Amino acid sequence: MAINEPRIRRQLPAFEELADLGRRDPQALEALGRLLTDDVIRHAGPASRRRLEGLRFRIEMERRRAPNPLAACARLSQMMFESLSELHSALNEPGGYRRTTGSSGAQIVDLNRSEPAPQ
């Protein structure tokens, strides 16, 4: 196997077949999506697997929270846009990107302090 050769051997059906399946049997289309997603995650390296599982969870939560499929699509599109924007910043301004990702503006509280906290 070549280095860049994909390890997943499943053939994705043509778009027309997927659209037809979605009209006839939406649950079957969802099951196919889960199967393909599971394959990708299963074949990912250990470092990527955890991140992909987290991403799958976020996607499923956004889909569940959305009142309808169109709203879910808009939410997922926004997630992709934000991720692409972050990648753009990291590639074009790596110094600035590193400085902004580590600073959350949160206040650190020392829980081991002996005196009471000011009110």
PDB file of N, CA and C in Angstrom:
ATOM      1  N   MET A   1       0.852  -1.187   0.000  1.00  0.00           N
ATOM      2  CA  MET A   1       0.000   0.000   0.000  1.00  0.00           C
ATOM      3  C   MET A   1       0.890   1.240   0.000  1.00  0.00           C
ATOM      4  N   ALA A   2       0.612   2.207  -0.854  1.00  0.00           N
ATOM      5  CA  ALA A   2       1.367   3.450  -0.918  1.00  0.00           C
ATOM      6  C   ALA A   2       1.048   4.303   0.311  1.00  0.00           C
ATOM      7  N   ILE A   3       1.930   5.217   0.639  1.00  0.00           N
ATOM      8  CA  ILE A   3       1.765   6.041   1.835  1.00  0.00           C
ATOM      9  C   ILE A   3       0.466   6.839   1.807  1.00  0.00           C
ATOM     10  N   ASN A   4       0.116   7.438   0.692  1.00  0.00           N
ATOM     11  CA  ASN A   4      -1.069   8.282   0.611  1.00  0.00           C
ATOM     12  C   ASN A   4      -2.332   7.536   0.195  1.00  0.00           C
ATOM     13  N   GLU A   5      -2.246   6.245   0.030  1.00  0.00           N
ATOM     14  CA  GLU A   5      -3.416   5.465  -0.384  1.00  0.00           C
ATOM     15  C   GLU A   5      -4.396   5.360   0.785  1.00  0.00           C
ATOM     16  N   PRO A   6      -5.661   5.667   0.573  1.00  0.00           N
ATOM     17  CA  PRO A   6      -6.630   5.564   1.669  1.00  0.00           C
ATOM     18  C   PRO A   6      -6.812   4.115   2.114  1.00  0.00           C
ATOM     19  N   ARG A   7      -6.985   3.953   3.422  1.00  0.00           N
ATOM     20  CA  ARG A   7      -7.181   2.613   3.976  1.00  0.00           C
ATOM     21  C   ARG A   7      -8.644   2.181   3.900  1.00  0.00           C
ATOM     22  N   ILE A   8      -9.525   3.109   3.673  1.00  0.00           N
ATOM     23  CA  ILE A   8     -10.949   2.791   3.623  1.00  0.00           C
ATOM     24  C   ILE A   8     -11.288   2.345   2.205  1.00  0.00           C
ATOM     25  N   ARG A   9     -11.883   1.197   2.089  1.00  0.00           N
ATOM     26  CA  ARG A   9     -12.164   0.615   0.771  1.00  0.00           C
ATOM     27  C   ARG A   9     -13.628   0.753   0.358  1.00  0.00           C
ATOM     28  N   ARG A  10     -14.473   1.262   1.228  1.00  0.00           N
ATOM     29  CA  ARG A  10     -15.888   1.391   0.913  1.00  0.00           C
ATOM     30  C   ARG A  10     -16.102   2.378  -0.230  1.00  0.00           C
ATOM     31  N   GLN A  11     -16.938   2.021  -1.176  1.00  0.00           N
ATOM     32  CA  GLN A  11     -17.237   2.883  -2.321  1.00  0.00           C
ATOM     33  C   GLN A  11     -18.477   3.717  -2.001  1.00  0.00           C
ATOM     34  N   LEU A  12     -18.355   5.019  -2.084  1.00  0.00           N
ATOM     35  CA  LEU A  12     -19.487   5.905  -1.859  1.00  0.00           C
ATOM     36  C   LEU A  12     -20.388   5.866  -3.089  1.00  0.00           C
ATOM     37  N   PRO A  13     -21.682   5.659  -2.896  1.00  0.00           N
ATOM     38  CA  PRO A  13     -22.599   5.650  -4.051  1.00  0.00           C
ATOM     39  C   PRO A  13     -22.619   7.015  -4.740  1.00  0.00           C
ATOM     40  N   ALA A  14     -23.067   7.022  -5.982  1.00  0.00           N
ATOM     41  CA  ALA A  14     -23.185   8.266  -6.746  1.00  0.00           C
ATOM     42  C   ALA A  14     -24.191   9.193  -6.059  1.00  0.00           C
ATOM     43  N   PHE A  15     -24.044  10.496  -6.303  1.00  0.00           N
ATOM     44  CA  PHE A  15     -24.919  11.487  -5.679  1.00  0.00           C
ATOM     45  C   PHE A  15     -26.393  11.183  -5.929  1.00  0.00           C
ATOM     46  N   GLU A  16     -26.729  10.819  -7.163  1.00  0.00           N
ATOM     47  CA  GLU A  16     -28.123  10.542  -7.503  1.00  0.00           C
ATOM     48  C   GLU A  16     -28.678   9.393  -6.659  1.00  0.00           C
ATOM     49  N   GLU A  17     -27.859   8.371  -6.433  1.00  0.00           N
ATOM     50  CA  GLU A  17     -28.291   7.247  -5.598  1.00  0.00           C
ATOM     51  C   GLU A  17     -28.499   7.691  -4.145  1.00  0.00           C
ATOM     52  N   LEU A  18     -27.600   8.533  -3.656  1.00  0.00           N
ATOM     53  CA  LEU A  18     -27.741   9.027  -2.288  1.00  0.00           C
ATOM     54  C   LEU A  18     -28.987   9.891  -2.143  1.00  0.00           C
ATOM     55  N   ALA A  19     -29.240  10.752  -3.136  1.00  0.00           N
ATOM     56  CA  ALA A  19     -30.437  11.604  -3.097  1.00  0.00           C
ATOM     57  C   ALA A  19     -31.696  10.753  -3.129  1.00  0.00           C
ATOM     58  N   ASP A  20     -31.700   9.729  -3.966  1.00  0.00           N
ATOM     59  CA  ASP A  20     -32.847   8.824  -4.049  1.00  0.00           C
ATOM     60  C   ASP A  20     -33.045   8.082  -2.730  1.00  0.00           C
ATOM     61  N   LEU A  21     -31.947   7.616  -2.142  1.00  0.00           N
ATOM     62  CA  LEU A  21     -32.033   6.921  -0.854  1.00  0.00           C
ATOM     63  C   LEU A  21     -32.590   7.855   0.216  1.00  0.00           C
ATOM     64  N   GLY A  22     -32.172   9.110   0.195  1.00  0.00           N
ATOM     65  CA  GLY A  22     -32.676  10.092   1.158  1.00  0.00           C
ATOM     66  C   GLY A  22     -34.171  10.329   1.025  1.00  0.00           C
ATOM     67  N   ARG A  23     -34.674  10.301  -0.198  1.00  0.00           N
ATOM     68  CA  ARG A  23     -36.118  10.478  -0.416  1.00  0.00           C
ATOM     69  C   ARG A  23     -36.896   9.233  -0.012  1.00  0.00           C
ATOM     70  N   ARG A  24     -36.367   8.056  -0.376  1.00  0.00           N
ATOM     71  CA  ARG A  24     -37.077   6.799  -0.118  1.00  0.00           C
ATOM     72  C   ARG A  24     -36.944   6.337   1.325  1.00  0.00           C
ATOM     73  N   ASP A  25     -35.733   6.433   1.874  1.00  0.00           N
ATOM     74  CA  ASP A  25     -35.469   5.852   3.193  1.00  0.00           C
ATOM     75  C   ASP A  25     -34.433   6.697   3.943  1.00  0.00           C
ATOM     76  N   PRO A  26     -34.877   7.812   4.541  1.00  0.00           N
ATOM     77  CA  PRO A  26     -33.945   8.703   5.233  1.00  0.00           C
ATOM     78  C   PRO A  26     -33.136   8.005   6.336  1.00  0.00           C
ATOM     79  N   GLN A  27     -33.747   7.044   7.013  1.00  0.00           N
ATOM     80  CA  GLN A  27     -33.030   6.323   8.072  1.00  0.00           C
ATOM     81  C   GLN A  27     -31.875   5.509   7.500  1.00  0.00           C
ATOM     82  N   ALA A  28     -32.069   4.933   6.327  1.00  0.00           N
ATOM     83  CA  ALA A  28     -30.998   4.162   5.689  1.00  0.00           C
ATOM     84  C   ALA A  28     -29.839   5.082   5.290  1.00  0.00           C
ATOM     85  N   LEU A  29     -30.176   6.286   4.816  1.00  0.00           N
ATOM     86  CA  LEU A  29     -29.135   7.249   4.474  1.00  0.00           C
ATOM     87  C   LEU A  29     -28.357   7.655   5.724  1.00  0.00           C
ATOM     88  N   GLU A  30     -29.060   7.881   6.823  1.00  0.00           N
ATOM     89  CA  GLU A  30     -28.395   8.211   8.092  1.00  0.00           C
ATOM     90  C   GLU A  30     -27.495   7.062   8.545  1.00  0.00           C
ATOM     91  N   ALA A  31     -27.981   5.833   8.408  1.00  0.00           N
ATOM     92  CA  ALA A  31     -27.184   4.664   8.796  1.00  0.00           C
ATOM     93  C   ALA A  31     -25.920   4.559   7.949  1.00  0.00           C
ATOM     94  N   LEU A  32     -26.036   4.829   6.656  1.00  0.00           N
ATOM     95  CA  LEU A  32     -24.870   4.813   5.778  1.00  0.00           C
ATOM     96  C   LEU A  32     -23.870   5.885   6.202  1.00  0.00           C
ATOM     97  N   GLY A  33     -24.379   7.071   6.523  1.00  0.00           N
ATOM     98  CA  GLY A  33     -23.510   8.153   6.989  1.00  0.00           C
ATOM     99  C   GLY A  33     -22.767   7.770   8.262  1.00  0.00           C
ATOM    100  N   ARG A  34     -23.477   7.145   9.197  1.00  0.00           N
ATOM    101  CA  ARG A  34     -22.829   6.699  10.447  1.00  0.00           C
ATOM    102  C   ARG A  34     -21.764   5.645  10.163  1.00  0.00           C
ATOM    103  N   LEU A  35     -22.081   4.712   9.267  1.00  0.00           N
ATOM    104  CA  LEU A  35     -21.137   3.645   8.914  1.00  0.00           C
ATOM    105  C   LEU A  35     -19.862   4.227   8.303  1.00  0.00           C
ATOM    106  N   LEU A  36     -20.009   5.156   7.368  1.00  0.00           N
ATOM    107  CA  LEU A  36     -18.848   5.763   6.720  1.00  0.00           C
ATOM    108  C   LEU A  36     -18.042   6.607   7.709  1.00  0.00           C
ATOM    109  N   THR A  37     -18.738   7.329   8.569  1.00  0.00           N
ATOM    110  CA  THR A  37     -18.055   8.137   9.583  1.00  0.00           C
ATOM    111  C   THR A  37     -17.289   7.246  10.544  1.00  0.00           C
ATOM    112  N   ASP A  38     -17.917   6.162  10.982  1.00  0.00           N
ATOM    113  CA  ASP A  38     -17.243   5.219  11.877  1.00  0.00           C
ATOM    114  C   ASP A  38     -15.987   4.646  11.218  1.00  0.00           C
ATOM    115  N   ASP A  39     -16.062   4.341   9.925  1.00  0.00           N
ATOM    116  CA  ASP A  39     -14.904   3.822   9.193  1.00  0.00           C
ATOM    117  C   ASP A  39     -13.744   4.820   9.205  1.00  0.00           C
ATOM    118  N   VAL A  40     -14.067   6.076   8.930  1.00  0.00           N
ATOM    119  CA  VAL A  40     -13.020   7.103   8.905  1.00  0.00           C
ATOM    120  C   VAL A  40     -12.365   7.214  10.275  1.00  0.00           C
ATOM    121  N   ILE A  41     -13.179   7.263  11.325  1.00  0.00           N
ATOM    122  CA  ILE A  41     -12.644   7.407  12.685  1.00  0.00           C
ATOM    123  C   ILE A  41     -11.845   6.167  13.075  1.00  0.00           C
ATOM    124  N   ARG A  42     -12.349   5.001  12.753  1.00  0.00           N
ATOM    125  CA  ARG A  42     -11.677   3.748  13.106  1.00  0.00           C
ATOM    126  C   ARG A  42     -10.296   3.647  12.462  1.00  0.00           C
ATOM    127  N   HIS A  43     -10.164   4.155  11.247  1.00  0.00           N
ATOM    128  CA  HIS A  43      -8.899   4.062  10.527  1.00  0.00           C
ATOM    129  C   HIS A  43      -7.978   5.260  10.747  1.00  0.00           C
ATOM    130  N   ALA A  44      -8.420   6.219  11.535  1.00  0.00           N
ATOM    131  CA  ALA A  44      -7.577   7.381  11.827  1.00  0.00           C
ATOM    132  C   ALA A  44      -6.519   6.996  12.852  1.00  0.00           C
ATOM    133  N   GLY A  45      -5.446   7.740  12.858  1.00  0.00           N
ATOM    134  CA  GLY A  45      -4.402   7.523  13.853  1.00  0.00           C
ATOM    135  C   GLY A  45      -4.912   7.883  15.240  1.00  0.00           C
ATOM    136  N   PRO A  46      -4.245   7.394  16.280  1.00  0.00           N
ATOM    137  CA  PRO A  46      -4.702   7.644  17.660  1.00  0.00           C
ATOM    138  C   PRO A  46      -4.854   9.129  17.983  1.00  0.00           C
ATOM    139  N   ALA A  47      -3.925   9.953  17.508  1.00  0.00           N
ATOM    140  CA  ALA A  47      -3.997  11.386  17.806  1.00  0.00           C
ATOM    141  C   ALA A  47      -5.222  12.025  17.143  1.00  0.00           C
ATOM    142  N   SER A  48      -5.530  11.613  15.926  1.00  0.00           N
ATOM    143  CA  SER A  48      -6.668  12.189  15.204  1.00  0.00           C
ATOM    144  C   SER A  48      -7.994  11.603  15.654  1.00  0.00           C
ATOM    145  N   ARG A  49      -7.985  10.363  16.102  1.00  0.00           N
ATOM    146  CA  ARG A  49      -9.227   9.675  16.447  1.00  0.00           C
ATOM    147  C   ARG A  49     -10.014  10.426  17.521  1.00  0.00           C
ATOM    148  N   ARG A  50      -9.340  10.844  18.575  1.00  0.00           N
ATOM    149  CA  ARG A  50     -10.035  11.545  19.665  1.00  0.00           C
ATOM    150  C   ARG A  50     -10.645  12.854  19.164  1.00  0.00           C
ATOM    151  N   ARG A  51      -9.895  13.580  18.353  1.00  0.00           N
ATOM    152  CA  ARG A  51     -10.403  14.847  17.818  1.00  0.00           C
ATOM    153  C   ARG A  51     -11.599  14.604  16.890  1.00  0.00           C
ATOM    154  N   LEU A  52     -11.524  13.558  16.069  1.00  0.00           N
ATOM    155  CA  LEU A  52     -12.635  13.243  15.174  1.00  0.00           C
ATOM    156  C   LEU A  52     -13.879  12.815  15.942  1.00  0.00           C
ATOM    157  N   GLU A  53     -13.686  12.061  17.015  1.00  0.00           N
ATOM    158  CA  GLU A  53     -14.837  11.663  17.840  1.00  0.00           C
ATOM    159  C   GLU A  53     -15.486  12.889  18.477  1.00  0.00           C
ATOM    160  N   GLY A  54     -14.658  13.844  18.914  1.00  0.00           N
ATOM    161  CA  GLY A  54     -15.195  15.082  19.474  1.00  0.00           C
ATOM    162  C   GLY A  54     -15.954  15.886  18.436  1.00  0.00           C
ATOM    163  N   LEU A  55     -15.413  15.931  17.224  1.00  0.00           N
ATOM    164  CA  LEU A  55     -16.085  16.646  16.142  1.00  0.00           C
ATOM    165  C   LEU A  55     -17.410  15.972  15.793  1.00  0.00           C
ATOM    166  N   ARG A  56     -17.412  14.648  15.746  1.00  0.00           N
ATOM    167  CA  ARG A  56     -18.664  13.927  15.460  1.00  0.00           C
ATOM    168  C   ARG A  56     -19.706  14.250  16.525  1.00  0.00           C
ATOM    169  N   PHE A  57     -19.289  14.301  17.785  1.00  0.00           N
ATOM    170  CA  PHE A  57     -20.213  14.632  18.876  1.00  0.00           C
ATOM    171  C   PHE A  57     -20.787  16.041  18.684  1.00  0.00           C
ATOM    172  N   ARG A  58     -19.916  17.015  18.391  1.00  0.00           N
ATOM    173  CA  ARG A  58     -20.390  18.390  18.184  1.00  0.00           C
ATOM    174  C   ARG A  58     -21.387  18.470  17.027  1.00  0.00           C
ATOM    175  N   ILE A  59     -21.092  17.755  15.950  1.00  0.00           N
ATOM    176  CA  ILE A  59     -21.986  17.762  14.789  1.00  0.00           C
ATOM    177  C   ILE A  59     -23.342  17.171  15.160  1.00  0.00           C
ATOM    178  N   GLU A  60     -23.321  16.041  15.844  1.00  0.00           N
ATOM    179  CA  GLU A  60     -24.594  15.410  16.244  1.00  0.00           C
ATOM    180  C   GLU A  60     -25.391  16.307  17.182  1.00  0.00           C
ATOM    181  N   MET A  61     -24.723  16.983  18.102  1.00  0.00           N
ATOM    182  CA  MET A  61     -25.428  17.878  19.028  1.00  0.00           C
ATOM    183  C   MET A  61     -26.041  19.063  18.280  1.00  0.00           C
ATOM    184  N   GLU A  62     -25.317  19.622  17.330  1.00  0.00           N
ATOM    185  CA  GLU A  62     -25.879  20.729  16.548  1.00  0.00           C
ATOM    186  C   GLU A  62     -27.082  20.256  15.742  1.00  0.00           C
ATOM    187  N   ARG A  63     -26.997  19.078  15.190  1.00  0.00           N
ATOM    188  CA  ARG A  63     -28.122  18.543  14.406  1.00  0.00           C
ATOM    189  C   ARG A  63     -29.340  18.320  15.299  1.00  0.00           C
ATOM    190  N   ARG A  64     -29.120  17.812  16.506  1.00  0.00           N
ATOM    191  CA  ARG A  64     -30.242  17.565  17.424  1.00  0.00           C
ATOM    192  C   ARG A  64     -30.869  18.861  17.921  1.00  0.00           C
ATOM    193  N   ARG A  65     -30.029  19.874  18.145  1.00  0.00           N
ATOM    194  CA  ARG A  65     -30.531  21.150  18.660  1.00  0.00           C
ATOM    195  C   ARG A  65     -31.298  21.938  17.613  1.00  0.00           C
ATOM    196  N   ALA A  66     -31.021  21.685  16.363  1.00  0.00           N
ATOM    197  CA  ALA A  66     -31.668  22.450  15.291  1.00  0.00           C
ATOM    198  C   ALA A  66     -33.139  22.060  15.171  1.00  0.00           C
ATOM    199  N   PRO A  67     -34.003  23.037  14.932  1.00  0.00           N
ATOM    200  CA  PRO A  67     -35.436  22.735  14.836  1.00  0.00           C
ATOM    201  C   PRO A  67     -35.825  22.012  13.542  1.00  0.00           C
ATOM    202  N   ASN A  68     -34.973  22.092  12.505  1.00  0.00           N
ATOM    203  CA  ASN A  68     -35.285  21.438  11.237  1.00  0.00           C
ATOM    204  C   ASN A  68     -33.984  21.190  10.479  1.00  0.00           C
ATOM    205  N   PRO A  69     -34.024  20.384   9.427  1.00  0.00           N
ATOM    206  CA  PRO A  69     -32.802  20.065   8.678  1.00  0.00           C
ATOM    207  C   PRO A  69     -32.094  21.284   8.079  1.00  0.00           C
ATOM    208  N   LEU A  70     -32.845  22.278   7.628  1.00  0.00           N
ATOM    209  CA  LEU A  70     -32.217  23.464   7.046  1.00  0.00           C
ATOM    210  C   LEU A  70     -31.434  24.238   8.111  1.00  0.00           C
ATOM    211  N   ALA A  71     -32.005  24.355   9.300  1.00  0.00           N
ATOM    212  CA  ALA A  71     -31.306  25.032  10.401  1.00  0.00           C
ATOM    213  C   ALA A  71     -30.057  24.250  10.788  1.00  0.00           C
ATOM    214  N   ALA A  72     -30.140  22.925  10.769  1.00  0.00           N
ATOM    215  CA  ALA A  72     -28.965  22.097  11.070  1.00  0.00           C
ATOM    216  C   ALA A  72     -27.877  22.341  10.038  1.00  0.00           C
ATOM    217  N   CYS A  73     -28.260  22.416   8.782  1.00  0.00           N
ATOM    218  CA  CYS A  73     -27.306  22.675   7.703  1.00  0.00           C
ATOM    219  C   CYS A  73     -26.635  24.030   7.912  1.00  0.00           C
ATOM    220  N   ALA A  74     -27.399  25.035   8.279  1.00  0.00           N
ATOM    221  CA  ALA A  74     -26.840  26.377   8.508  1.00  0.00           C
ATOM    222  C   ALA A  74     -25.865  26.358   9.680  1.00  0.00           C
ATOM    223  N   ARG A  75     -26.211  25.651  10.755  1.00  0.00           N
ATOM    224  CA  ARG A  75     -25.321  25.568  11.919  1.00  0.00           C
ATOM    225  C   ARG A  75     -24.019  24.859  11.569  1.00  0.00           C
ATOM    226  N   LEU A  76     -24.108  23.772  10.826  1.00  0.00           N
ATOM    227  CA  LEU A  76     -22.905  23.036  10.444  1.00  0.00           C
ATOM    228  C   LEU A  76     -22.067  23.849   9.467  1.00  0.00           C
ATOM    229  N   SER A  77     -22.714  24.593   8.596  1.00  0.00           N
ATOM    230  CA  SER A  77     -21.992  25.466   7.678  1.00  0.00           C
ATOM    231  C   SER A  77     -21.231  26.536   8.461  1.00  0.00           C
ATOM    232  N   GLN A  78     -21.847  27.074   9.493  1.00  0.00           N
ATOM    233  CA  GLN A  78     -21.180  28.076  10.334  1.00  0.00           C
ATOM    234  C   GLN A  78     -19.977  27.461  11.050  1.00  0.00           C
ATOM    235  N   MET A  79     -20.120  26.233  11.537  1.00  0.00           N
ATOM    236  CA  MET A  79     -18.990  25.544  12.176  1.00  0.00           C
ATOM    237  C   MET A  79     -17.831  25.389  11.189  1.00  0.00           C
ATOM    238  N   MET A  80     -18.142  24.982   9.969  1.00  0.00           N
ATOM    239  CA  MET A  80     -17.093  24.816   8.956  1.00  0.00           C
ATOM    240  C   MET A  80     -16.443  26.153   8.620  1.00  0.00           C
ATOM    241  N   PHE A  81     -17.238  27.210   8.516  1.00  0.00           N
ATOM    242  CA  PHE A  81     -16.695  28.528   8.215  1.00  0.00           C
ATOM    243  C   PHE A  81     -15.741  28.975   9.314  1.00  0.00           C
ATOM    244  N   GLU A  82     -16.126  28.781  10.577  1.00  0.00           N
ATOM    245  CA  GLU A  82     -15.270  29.175  11.696  1.00  0.00           C
ATOM    246  C   GLU A  82     -13.969  28.382  11.696  1.00  0.00           C
ATOM    247  N   SER A  83     -14.052  27.101  11.404  1.00  0.00           N
ATOM    248  CA  SER A  83     -12.854  26.266  11.349  1.00  0.00           C
ATOM    249  C   SER A  83     -11.938  26.708  10.213  1.00  0.00           C
ATOM    250  N   LEU A  84     -12.495  27.007   9.063  1.00  0.00           N
ATOM    251  CA  LEU A  84     -11.713  27.469   7.927  1.00  0.00           C
ATOM    252  C   LEU A  84     -11.078  28.829   8.217  1.00  0.00           C
ATOM    253  N   SER A  85     -11.809  29.686   8.885  1.00  0.00           N
ATOM    254  CA  SER A  85     -11.279  30.999   9.253  1.00  0.00           C
ATOM    255  C   SER A  85     -10.103  30.854  10.215  1.00  0.00           C
ATOM    256  N   GLU A  86     -10.224  29.935  11.168  1.00  0.00           N
ATOM    257  CA  GLU A  86      -9.138  29.665  12.104  1.00  0.00           C
ATOM    258  C   GLU A  86      -7.911  29.121  11.370  1.00  0.00           C
ATOM    259  N   LEU A  87      -8.127  28.212  10.434  1.00  0.00           N
ATOM    260  CA  LEU A  87      -7.026  27.676   9.642  1.00  0.00           C
ATOM    261  C   LEU A  87      -6.364  28.785   8.825  1.00  0.00           C
ATOM    262  N   HIS A  88      -7.165  29.646   8.219  1.00  0.00           N
ATOM    263  CA  HIS A  88      -6.637  30.770   7.445  1.00  0.00           C
ATOM    264  C   HIS A  88      -5.738  31.641   8.321  1.00  0.00           C
ATOM    265  N   SER A  89      -6.197  31.954   9.527  1.00  0.00           N
ATOM    266  CA  SER A  89      -5.395  32.770  10.446  1.00  0.00           C
ATOM    267  C   SER A  89      -4.101  32.074  10.821  1.00  0.00           C
ATOM    268  N   ALA A  90      -4.175  30.786  11.092  1.00  0.00           N
ATOM    269  CA  ALA A  90      -2.983  30.034  11.489  1.00  0.00           C
ATOM    270  C   ALA A  90      -1.959  29.990  10.360  1.00  0.00           C
ATOM    271  N   LEU A  91      -2.420  29.867   9.133  1.00  0.00           N
ATOM    272  CA  LEU A  91      -1.503  29.781   8.005  1.00  0.00           C
ATOM    273  C   LEU A  91      -0.926  31.136   7.605  1.00  0.00           C
ATOM    274  N   ASN A  92      -1.720  32.180   7.700  1.00  0.00           N
ATOM    275  CA  ASN A  92      -1.289  33.491   7.223  1.00  0.00           C
ATOM    276  C   ASN A  92      -0.693  34.389   8.304  1.00  0.00           C
ATOM    277  N   GLU A  93      -1.015  34.126   9.562  1.00  0.00           N
ATOM    278  CA  GLU A  93      -0.491  34.927  10.666  1.00  0.00           C
ATOM    279  C   GLU A  93      -0.143  34.010  11.836  1.00  0.00           C
ATOM    280  N   PRO A  94       0.820  33.109  11.650  1.00  0.00           N
ATOM    281  CA  PRO A  94       1.094  32.113  12.690  1.00  0.00           C
ATOM    282  C   PRO A  94       1.502  32.712  14.028  1.00  0.00           C
ATOM    283  N   GLY A  95       2.266  33.798  14.036  1.00  0.00           N
ATOM    284  CA  GLY A  95       2.666  34.424  15.301  1.00  0.00           C
ATOM    285  C   GLY A  95       1.479  34.971  16.059  1.00  0.00           C
ATOM    286  N   GLY A  96       0.620  35.697  15.373  1.00  0.00           N
ATOM    287  CA  GLY A  96      -0.569  36.259  15.996  1.00  0.00           C
ATOM    288  C   GLY A  96      -1.557  35.190  16.414  1.00  0.00           C
ATOM    289  N   TYR A  97      -1.649  34.149  15.619  1.00  0.00           N
ATOM    290  CA  TYR A  97      -2.573  33.056  15.942  1.00  0.00           C
ATOM    291  C   TYR A  97      -2.163  32.400  17.260  1.00  0.00           C
ATOM    292  N   ARG A  98      -0.881  32.128  17.433  1.00  0.00           N
ATOM    293  CA  ARG A  98      -0.412  31.472  18.655  1.00  0.00           C
ATOM    294  C   ARG A  98      -0.649  32.348  19.871  1.00  0.00           C
ATOM    295  N   ARG A  99      -0.509  33.640  19.725  1.00  0.00           N
ATOM    296  CA  ARG A  99      -0.729  34.534  20.867  1.00  0.00           C
ATOM    297  C   ARG A  99      -2.201  34.583  21.256  1.00  0.00           C
ATOM    298  N   THR A 100      -3.100  34.572  20.278  1.00  0.00           N
ATOM    299  CA  THR A 100      -4.522  34.709  20.601  1.00  0.00           C
ATOM    300  C   THR A 100      -5.155  33.420  21.084  1.00  0.00           C
ATOM    301  N   THR A 101      -4.655  32.257  20.674  1.00  0.00           N
ATOM    302  CA  THR A 101      -5.305  31.017  21.078  1.00  0.00           C
ATOM    303  C   THR A 101      -5.031  30.672  22.537  1.00  0.00           C
ATOM    304  N   GLY A 102      -3.935  31.154  23.104  1.00  0.00           N
ATOM    305  CA  GLY A 102      -3.608  30.820  24.483  1.00  0.00           C
ATOM    306  C   GLY A 102      -4.206  31.757  25.502  1.00  0.00           C
ATOM    307  N   SER A 103      -4.716  32.909  25.097  1.00  0.00           N
ATOM    308  CA  SER A 103      -5.239  33.880  26.056  1.00  0.00           C
ATOM    309  C   SER A 103      -6.756  33.887  26.020  1.00  0.00           C
ATOM    310  N   SER A 104      -7.359  33.432  27.096  1.00  0.00           N
ATOM    311  CA  SER A 104      -8.812  33.373  27.147  1.00  0.00           C
ATOM    312  C   SER A 104      -9.404  34.555  27.883  1.00  0.00           C
ATOM    313  N   GLY A 105      -8.561  35.331  28.599  1.00  0.00           N
ATOM    314  CA  GLY A 105      -9.085  36.444  29.374  1.00  0.00           C
ATOM    315  C   GLY A 105      -9.664  35.994  30.703  1.00  0.00           C
ATOM    316  N   ALA A 106      -9.497  34.729  31.041  1.00  0.00           N
ATOM    317  CA  ALA A 106     -10.036  34.208  32.297  1.00  0.00           C
ATOM    318  C   ALA A 106      -9.131  34.613  33.454  1.00  0.00           C
ATOM    319  N   GLN A 107      -9.730  34.782  34.624  1.00  0.00           N
ATOM    320  CA  GLN A 107      -8.968  35.101  35.822  1.00  0.00           C
ATOM    321  C   GLN A 107      -8.642  33.799  36.536  1.00  0.00           C
ATOM    322  N   ILE A 108      -7.380  33.624  36.902  1.00  0.00           N
ATOM    323  CA  ILE A 108      -6.949  32.422  37.613  1.00  0.00           C
ATOM    324  C   ILE A 108      -7.045  32.683  39.100  1.00  0.00           C
ATOM    325  N   VAL A 109      -7.736  31.817  39.805  1.00  0.00           N
ATOM    326  CA  VAL A 109      -7.939  31.956  41.237  1.00  0.00           C
ATOM    327  C   VAL A 109      -7.118  30.902  41.957  1.00  0.00           C
ATOM    328  N   ASP A 110      -6.343  31.320  42.954  1.00  0.00           N
ATOM    329  CA  ASP A 110      -5.533  30.390  43.740  1.00  0.00           C
ATOM    330  C   ASP A 110      -6.429  29.768  44.806  1.00  0.00           C
ATOM    331  N   LEU A 111      -6.732  28.496  44.664  1.00  0.00           N
ATOM    332  CA  LEU A 111      -7.620  27.811  45.606  1.00  0.00           C
ATOM    333  C   LEU A 111      -6.912  27.406  46.880  1.00  0.00           C
ATOM    334  N   ASN A 112      -5.593  27.510  46.919  1.00  0.00           N
ATOM    335  CA  ASN A 112      -4.825  27.122  48.096  1.00  0.00           C
ATOM    336  C   ASN A 112      -4.515  28.320  48.992  1.00  0.00           C
ATOM    337  N   ARG A 113      -5.086  29.461  48.713  1.00  0.00           N
ATOM    338  CA  ARG A 113      -4.846  30.664  49.521  1.00  0.00           C
ATOM    339  C   ARG A 113      -5.369  30.478  50.919  1.00  0.00           C
ATOM    340  N   SER A 114      -4.624  30.968  51.921  1.00  0.00           N
ATOM    341  CA  SER A 114      -5.064  30.805  53.305  1.00  0.00           C
ATOM    342  C   SER A 114      -6.002  31.908  53.749  1.00  0.00           C
ATOM    343  N   GLU A 115      -5.840  33.140  53.238  1.00  0.00           N
ATOM    344  CA  GLU A 115      -6.726  34.224  53.635  1.00  0.00           C
ATOM    345  C   GLU A 115      -7.995  34.207  52.808  1.00  0.00           C
ATOM    346  N   PRO A 116      -9.101  34.708  53.381  1.00  0.00           N
ATOM    347  CA  PRO A 116     -10.367  34.709  52.619  1.00  0.00           C
ATOM    348  C   PRO A 116     -10.286  35.655  51.431  1.00  0.00           C
ATOM    349  N   ALA A 117     -11.025  35.314  50.412  1.00  0.00           N
ATOM    350  CA  ALA A 117     -11.060  36.117  49.200  1.00  0.00           C
ATOM    351  C   ALA A 117     -11.811  37.415  49.467  1.00  0.00           C
ATOM    352  N   PRO A 118     -11.403  38.547  48.827  1.00  0.00           N
ATOM    353  CA  PRO A 118     -12.118  39.817  49.013  1.00  0.00           C
ATOM    354  C   PRO A 118     -13.519  39.719  48.440  1.00  0.00           C
ATOM    355  N   GLN A 119     -14.422  40.409  49.104  1.00  0.00           N
ATOM    356  CA  GLN A 119     -15.831  40.373  48.690  1.00  0.00           C
ATOM    357  C   GLN A 119     -16.180  41.541  47.857  1.00  0.00           C
TER     358      GLN A 119
END
